[in-house]
């Protein structure tokens, strides 16, 4: 069964731009249902990024996501080592600041990839980031995923993949 590991921008962009909490109740009801079924999950680093603003999105997450929704990334340190090795190997392309930001222990991106790398046939990252291999100032999730054979999709691609509508 495919499990979709959602990036913080999955929630943030939906809330701020596409599916506001007060308008798109069907979307948020679907997210709650998918989270309860285990179809979508996320990681502790994403939780930290979402739970630092004390806003309506944080309140919604606390009230609607299962207690085990955000998974512990300490169990994927071997895979995180592979992600780190890839990023460091790209030091002739990316600026040192980009690599340091990507590998920062408080940032979710590298850990999302590591978590999905632990079960690459079953876990898909859901992100709104777009591949930008020429960019030197930021490592984008899709570029690392492409290098490590980790699957990623957008929100709409995820819904199409699992044939969900709302």
C-alpha atoms as a PDB file:
ATOM      1  CA  UNK A   1       0.000   0.000   0.000  1.00  0.00           C
ATOM      2  CA  UNK A   2       1.332   3.422  -0.928  1.00  0.00           C
ATOM      3  CA  UNK A   3       1.852   5.808   1.954  1.00  0.00           C
ATOM      4  CA  UNK A   4       2.196   9.497   1.233  1.00  0.00           C
ATOM      5  CA  UNK A   5       4.648  11.409   3.418  1.00  0.00           C
ATOM      6  CA  UNK A   6       3.602  15.052   3.367  1.00  0.00           C
ATOM      7  CA  UNK A   7       5.902  18.051   3.459  1.00  0.00           C
ATOM      8  CA  UNK A   8       5.020  21.103   5.542  1.00  0.00           C
ATOM      9  CA  UNK A   9       4.206  23.018   2.341  1.00  0.00           C
ATOM     10  CA  UNK A  10       1.393  20.504   1.725  1.00  0.00           C
ATOM     11  CA  UNK A  11      -0.424  22.020   4.706  1.00  0.00           C
ATOM     12  CA  UNK A  12       0.841  25.582   4.517  1.00  0.00           C
ATOM     13  CA  UNK A  13       0.061  26.229   0.853  1.00  0.00           C
ATOM     14  CA  UNK A  14      -3.328  24.552   1.146  1.00  0.00           C
ATOM     15  CA  UNK A  15      -4.239  26.661   4.171  1.00  0.00           C
ATOM     16  CA  UNK A  16      -2.881  29.978   2.924  1.00  0.00           C
ATOM     17  CA  UNK A  17      -3.638  29.835  -0.793  1.00  0.00           C
ATOM     18  CA  UNK A  18      -5.639  26.980  -2.263  1.00  0.00           C
ATOM     19  CA  UNK A  19      -7.933  25.468   0.366  1.00  0.00           C
ATOM     20  CA  UNK A  20      -8.440  27.898   3.287  1.00  0.00           C
ATOM     21  CA  UNK A  21      -9.722  26.182   6.423  1.00  0.00           C
ATOM     22  CA  UNK A  22     -12.858  28.326   6.559  1.00  0.00           C
ATOM     23  CA  UNK A  23     -13.769  27.779   2.887  1.00  0.00           C
ATOM     24  CA  UNK A  24     -12.621  24.320   1.765  1.00  0.00           C
ATOM     25  CA  UNK A  25     -14.038  22.145   4.519  1.00  0.00           C
ATOM     26  CA  UNK A  26     -14.332  19.178   2.116  1.00  0.00           C
ATOM     27  CA  UNK A  27     -10.587  19.237   1.473  1.00  0.00           C
ATOM     28  CA  UNK A  28      -9.729  19.322   5.181  1.00  0.00           C
ATOM     29  CA  UNK A  29     -12.288  16.623   5.934  1.00  0.00           C
ATOM     30  CA  UNK A  30     -10.617  14.442   3.298  1.00  0.00           C
ATOM     31  CA  UNK A  31      -7.182  15.126   4.824  1.00  0.00           C
ATOM     32  CA  UNK A  32      -8.458  14.122   8.269  1.00  0.00           C
ATOM     33  CA  UNK A  33      -9.969  10.907   6.862  1.00  0.00           C
ATOM     34  CA  UNK A  34      -6.773  10.036   4.962  1.00  0.00           C
ATOM     35  CA  UNK A  35      -4.650  10.707   8.061  1.00  0.00           C
ATOM     36  CA  UNK A  36      -6.878   8.485  10.197  1.00  0.00           C
ATOM     37  CA  UNK A  37      -6.590   5.718   7.578  1.00  0.00           C
ATOM     38  CA  UNK A  38      -2.792   6.055   7.471  1.00  0.00           C
ATOM     39  CA  UNK A  39      -2.816   6.958   3.779  1.00  0.00           C
ATOM     40  CA  UNK A  40      -0.965  10.164   4.590  1.00  0.00           C
ATOM     41  CA  UNK A  41       1.602  10.635   7.331  1.00  0.00           C
ATOM     42  CA  UNK A  42       4.378  13.044   8.071  1.00  0.00           C
ATOM     43  CA  UNK A  43       7.461  13.339  10.244  1.00  0.00           C
ATOM     44  CA  UNK A  44       8.442  15.020  13.486  1.00  0.00           C
ATOM     45  CA  UNK A  45      10.458  17.713  11.667  1.00  0.00           C
ATOM     46  CA  UNK A  46       7.360  18.784   9.713  1.00  0.00           C
ATOM     47  CA  UNK A  47       5.407  18.913  12.973  1.00  0.00           C
ATOM     48  CA  UNK A  48       8.018  21.290  14.368  1.00  0.00           C
ATOM     49  CA  UNK A  49       7.694  23.512  11.293  1.00  0.00           C
ATOM     50  CA  UNK A  50       3.899  23.570  11.560  1.00  0.00           C
ATOM     51  CA  UNK A  51       3.693  23.988  15.322  1.00  0.00           C
ATOM     52  CA  UNK A  52       5.781  27.147  15.587  1.00  0.00           C
ATOM     53  CA  UNK A  53       3.238  29.769  14.516  1.00  0.00           C
ATOM     54  CA  UNK A  54       0.309  29.307  16.930  1.00  0.00           C
ATOM     55  CA  UNK A  55      -2.111  29.875  14.039  1.00  0.00           C
ATOM     56  CA  UNK A  56      -5.350  28.302  12.803  1.00  0.00           C
ATOM     57  CA  UNK A  57      -3.463  25.638  10.844  1.00  0.00           C
ATOM     58  CA  UNK A  58      -1.600  24.506  13.962  1.00  0.00           C
ATOM     59  CA  UNK A  59      -4.880  24.374  15.891  1.00  0.00           C
ATOM     60  CA  UNK A  60      -6.512  22.347  13.101  1.00  0.00           C
ATOM     61  CA  UNK A  61      -3.614  19.877  13.057  1.00  0.00           C
ATOM     62  CA  UNK A  62      -3.710  19.427  16.824  1.00  0.00           C
ATOM     63  CA  UNK A  63      -7.462  18.813  16.782  1.00  0.00           C
ATOM     64  CA  UNK A  64      -7.721  16.635  13.661  1.00  0.00           C
ATOM     65  CA  UNK A  65      -4.562  14.601  13.074  1.00  0.00           C
ATOM     66  CA  UNK A  66      -4.062  11.278  14.862  1.00  0.00           C
ATOM     67  CA  UNK A  67      -1.517  11.240  17.677  1.00  0.00           C
ATOM     68  CA  UNK A  68       0.764   8.969  15.616  1.00  0.00           C
ATOM     69  CA  UNK A  69       0.568  11.068  12.420  1.00  0.00           C
ATOM     70  CA  UNK A  70       4.049  12.580  12.821  1.00  0.00           C
ATOM     71  CA  UNK A  71       6.633   9.787  12.699  1.00  0.00           C
ATOM     72  CA  UNK A  72       9.934   9.737  14.562  1.00  0.00           C
ATOM     73  CA  UNK A  73      12.875  10.304  12.213  1.00  0.00           C
ATOM     74  CA  UNK A  74      15.487   8.960  14.622  1.00  0.00           C
ATOM     75  CA  UNK A  75      14.771   5.520  13.129  1.00  0.00           C
ATOM     76  CA  UNK A  76      16.049   6.547   9.666  1.00  0.00           C
ATOM     77  CA  UNK A  77      19.525   7.812  10.533  1.00  0.00           C
ATOM     78  CA  UNK A  78      21.154   5.286   8.180  1.00  0.00           C
ATOM     79  CA  UNK A  79      19.075   6.641   5.302  1.00  0.00           C
ATOM     80  CA  UNK A  80      19.746  10.198   6.477  1.00  0.00           C
ATOM     81  CA  UNK A  81      23.442   9.352   6.114  1.00  0.00           C
ATOM     82  CA  UNK A  82      22.831   8.484   2.458  1.00  0.00           C
ATOM     83  CA  UNK A  83      20.956  11.750   1.889  1.00  0.00           C
ATOM     84  CA  UNK A  84      23.747  13.676   3.613  1.00  0.00           C
ATOM     85  CA  UNK A  85      26.426  11.930   1.570  1.00  0.00           C
ATOM     86  CA  UNK A  86      24.597  12.850  -1.630  1.00  0.00           C
ATOM     87  CA  UNK A  87      24.268  16.508  -0.587  1.00  0.00           C
ATOM     88  CA  UNK A  88      27.915  16.754   0.439  1.00  0.00           C
ATOM     89  CA  UNK A  89      28.997  15.110  -2.824  1.00  0.00           C
ATOM     90  CA  UNK A  90      27.338  18.028  -4.629  1.00  0.00           C
ATOM     91  CA  UNK A  91      29.598  20.636  -2.973  1.00  0.00           C
ATOM     92  CA  UNK A  92      31.056  21.610  -6.335  1.00  0.00           C
ATOM     93  CA  UNK A  93      27.553  22.631  -7.466  1.00  0.00           C
ATOM     94  CA  UNK A  94      25.625  23.917  -4.440  1.00  0.00           C
ATOM     95  CA  UNK A  95      26.762  26.813  -2.313  1.00  0.00           C
ATOM     96  CA  UNK A  96      27.907  25.817   1.198  1.00  0.00           C
ATOM     97  CA  UNK A  97      24.920  27.704   2.655  1.00  0.00           C
ATOM     98  CA  UNK A  98      22.513  25.583   0.576  1.00  0.00           C
ATOM     99  CA  UNK A  99      24.080  22.331   1.779  1.00  0.00           C
ATOM    100  CA  UNK A 100      24.165  23.513   5.399  1.00  0.00           C
ATOM    101  CA  UNK A 101      20.514  24.565   5.265  1.00  0.00           C
ATOM    102  CA  UNK A 102      19.452  21.270   3.657  1.00  0.00           C
ATOM    103  CA  UNK A 103      21.318  19.240   6.301  1.00  0.00           C
ATOM    104  CA  UNK A 104      20.277  21.393   9.261  1.00  0.00           C
ATOM    105  CA  UNK A 105      18.853  19.041  11.897  1.00  0.00           C
ATOM    106  CA  UNK A 106      15.832  21.316  12.368  1.00  0.00           C
ATOM    107  CA  UNK A 107      14.901  21.347   8.678  1.00  0.00           C
ATOM    108  CA  UNK A 108      12.488  18.709   7.377  1.00  0.00           C
ATOM    109  CA  UNK A 109      13.560  18.242   3.737  1.00  0.00           C
ATOM    110  CA  UNK A 110      16.485  15.839   4.130  1.00  0.00           C
ATOM    111  CA  UNK A 111      14.595  13.870   6.791  1.00  0.00           C
ATOM    112  CA  UNK A 112      11.513  13.569   4.566  1.00  0.00           C
ATOM    113  CA  UNK A 113      13.711  12.053   1.895  1.00  0.00           C
ATOM    114  CA  UNK A 114      15.436   9.762   4.409  1.00  0.00           C
ATOM    115  CA  UNK A 115      12.091   8.589   5.794  1.00  0.00           C
ATOM    116  CA  UNK A 116      10.835   7.773   2.316  1.00  0.00           C
ATOM    117  CA  UNK A 117      14.158   6.188   1.344  1.00  0.00           C
ATOM    118  CA  UNK A 118      13.647   3.667   4.159  1.00  0.00           C
ATOM    119  CA  UNK A 119      10.748   2.145   2.164  1.00  0.00           C
ATOM    120  CA  UNK A 120      11.147   3.489  -1.377  1.00  0.00           C
ATOM    121  CA  UNK A 121       8.535   1.205  -2.937  1.00  0.00           C
ATOM    122  CA  UNK A 122       5.795   2.194  -0.494  1.00  0.00           C
ATOM    123  CA  UNK A 123       6.475   5.812   0.485  1.00  0.00           C
ATOM    124  CA  UNK A 124       5.911   8.840  -1.727  1.00  0.00           C
ATOM    125  CA  UNK A 125       6.776  12.381  -0.689  1.00  0.00           C
ATOM    126  CA  UNK A 126       4.035  14.948  -1.263  1.00  0.00           C
ATOM    127  CA  UNK A 127       5.550  18.377  -1.868  1.00  0.00           C
ATOM    128  CA  UNK A 128       4.966  21.511  -3.860  1.00  0.00           C
ATOM    129  CA  UNK A 129       8.674  21.971  -4.502  1.00  0.00           C
ATOM    130  CA  UNK A 130       9.715  21.802  -8.144  1.00  0.00           C
ATOM    131  CA  UNK A 131      12.968  20.418  -9.476  1.00  0.00           C
ATOM    132  CA  UNK A 132      15.574  23.113 -10.110  1.00  0.00           C
ATOM    133  CA  UNK A 133      18.860  21.292 -10.773  1.00  0.00           C
ATOM    134  CA  UNK A 134      20.604  24.435 -12.022  1.00  0.00           C
ATOM    135  CA  UNK A 135      19.883  26.331  -8.811  1.00  0.00           C
ATOM    136  CA  UNK A 136      22.949  26.605  -6.585  1.00  0.00           C
ATOM    137  CA  UNK A 137      21.470  28.451  -3.595  1.00  0.00           C
ATOM    138  CA  UNK A 138      18.949  25.801  -2.461  1.00  0.00           C
ATOM    139  CA  UNK A 139      18.684  22.039  -2.676  1.00  0.00           C
ATOM    140  CA  UNK A 140      15.153  21.164  -3.767  1.00  0.00           C
ATOM    141  CA  UNK A 141      13.466  17.979  -2.563  1.00  0.00           C
ATOM    142  CA  UNK A 142      12.773  16.697  -6.121  1.00  0.00           C
ATOM    143  CA  UNK A 143      16.451  16.976  -7.106  1.00  0.00           C
ATOM    144  CA  UNK A 144      17.613  14.841  -4.199  1.00  0.00           C
ATOM    145  CA  UNK A 145      14.700  12.439  -4.755  1.00  0.00           C
ATOM    146  CA  UNK A 146      15.644  12.036  -8.416  1.00  0.00           C
ATOM    147  CA  UNK A 147      19.231  11.223  -7.460  1.00  0.00           C
ATOM    148  CA  UNK A 148      18.218   8.669  -4.807  1.00  0.00           C
ATOM    149  CA  UNK A 149      15.218   7.146  -6.634  1.00  0.00           C
ATOM    150  CA  UNK A 150      12.650   8.376  -4.138  1.00  0.00           C
ATOM    151  CA  UNK A 151       9.178   9.022  -5.536  1.00  0.00           C
ATOM    152  CA  UNK A 152       7.494  12.387  -5.055  1.00  0.00           C
ATOM    153  CA  UNK A 153       4.188  13.891  -6.173  1.00  0.00           C
ATOM    154  CA  UNK A 154       2.165  17.075  -5.771  1.00  0.00           C
ATOM    155  CA  UNK A 155      -1.056  17.155  -3.782  1.00  0.00           C
ATOM    156  CA  UNK A 156      -3.231  16.826  -6.874  1.00  0.00           C
ATOM    157  CA  UNK A 157      -1.064  14.002  -8.271  1.00  0.00           C
ATOM    158  CA  UNK A 158      -1.523  12.181  -4.943  1.00  0.00           C
ATOM    159  CA  UNK A 159      -5.306  12.536  -5.129  1.00  0.00           C
ATOM    160  CA  UNK A 160      -5.285  11.248  -8.705  1.00  0.00           C
ATOM    161  CA  UNK A 161      -2.969   8.343  -7.798  1.00  0.00           C
ATOM    162  CA  UNK A 162      -5.326   7.112  -5.080  1.00  0.00           C
ATOM    163  CA  UNK A 163      -8.487   8.136  -6.962  1.00  0.00           C
ATOM    164  CA  UNK A 164      -9.732  10.453  -4.202  1.00  0.00           C
ATOM    165  CA  UNK A 165     -12.097  13.323  -4.832  1.00  0.00           C
ATOM    166  CA  UNK A 166     -13.700  15.885  -2.579  1.00  0.00           C
END
